[in-house]
Amino acid sequence: IRKDLERKADWIALKAFSLGKSLFTGNSKSFFVQQITISNSN
């Protein structure tokens, strides 16, 4: 049972990490694009 819990915790941590990573990269990418369009329109 204990090993099962550890594996589940690892999976949850991995899921949270990949989710946070995709959120972070997605947000920074859209932010970067926004900055480019703003500087281009000026």
Protein backbone atom coordinates (compact mmCIF):
# COMPACT_ATOMS: atom_id res chain seq x y z
CA ILE A 1 0.00 0.00 0.00
CA ARG A 2 2.78 2.39 0.90
CA LYS A 3 4.58 1.93 -2.40
CA ASP A 4 1.32 2.55 -4.19
CA LEU A 5 0.84 5.83 -2.35
CA GLU A 6 4.36 6.92 -3.18
CA ARG A 7 3.81 6.17 -6.83
CA LYS A 8 0.56 8.15 -6.77
CA ALA A 9 2.29 11.10 -5.11
CA ASP A 10 5.01 10.99 -7.75
CA TRP A 11 2.39 10.93 -10.50
CA ILE A 12 0.50 13.87 -8.96
CA ALA A 13 3.71 15.86 -8.60
CA LEU A 14 4.63 15.10 -12.21
CA LYS A 15 1.17 16.09 -13.43
CA ALA A 16 1.25 19.34 -11.44
CA PHE A 17 4.75 20.07 -12.71
CA SER A 18 3.88 19.47 -16.37
CA LEU A 19 0.68 21.48 -15.99
CA GLY A 20 2.52 24.38 -14.37
CA LYS A 21 5.23 24.19 -17.01
CA SER A 22 2.75 24.30 -19.88
CA LEU A 23 0.87 27.15 -18.21
CA PHE A 24 4.11 29.07 -17.65
CA THR A 25 5.43 28.58 -21.17
CA GLY A 26 2.03 29.34 -22.69
CA ASN A 27 1.61 32.52 -20.65
CA SER A 28 5.13 33.77 -21.29
CA LYS A 29 4.71 33.03 -25.00
CA SER A 30 1.47 35.00 -25.30
CA PHE A 31 2.98 37.77 -23.18
CA PHE A 32 6.00 37.87 -25.48
CA VAL A 33 3.74 38.05 -28.55
CA GLN A 34 1.76 40.84 -26.91
CA GLN A 35 4.93 42.83 -26.28
CA ILE A 36 5.97 42.47 -29.93
CA THR A 37 2.60 43.63 -31.28
CA ILE A 38 2.57 46.60 -28.88
CA SER A 39 6.07 47.72 -29.89
CA ASN A 40 5.22 47.24 -33.57
CA SER A 41 2.07 49.37 -33.42
CA ASN A 42 3.94 52.32 -31.87
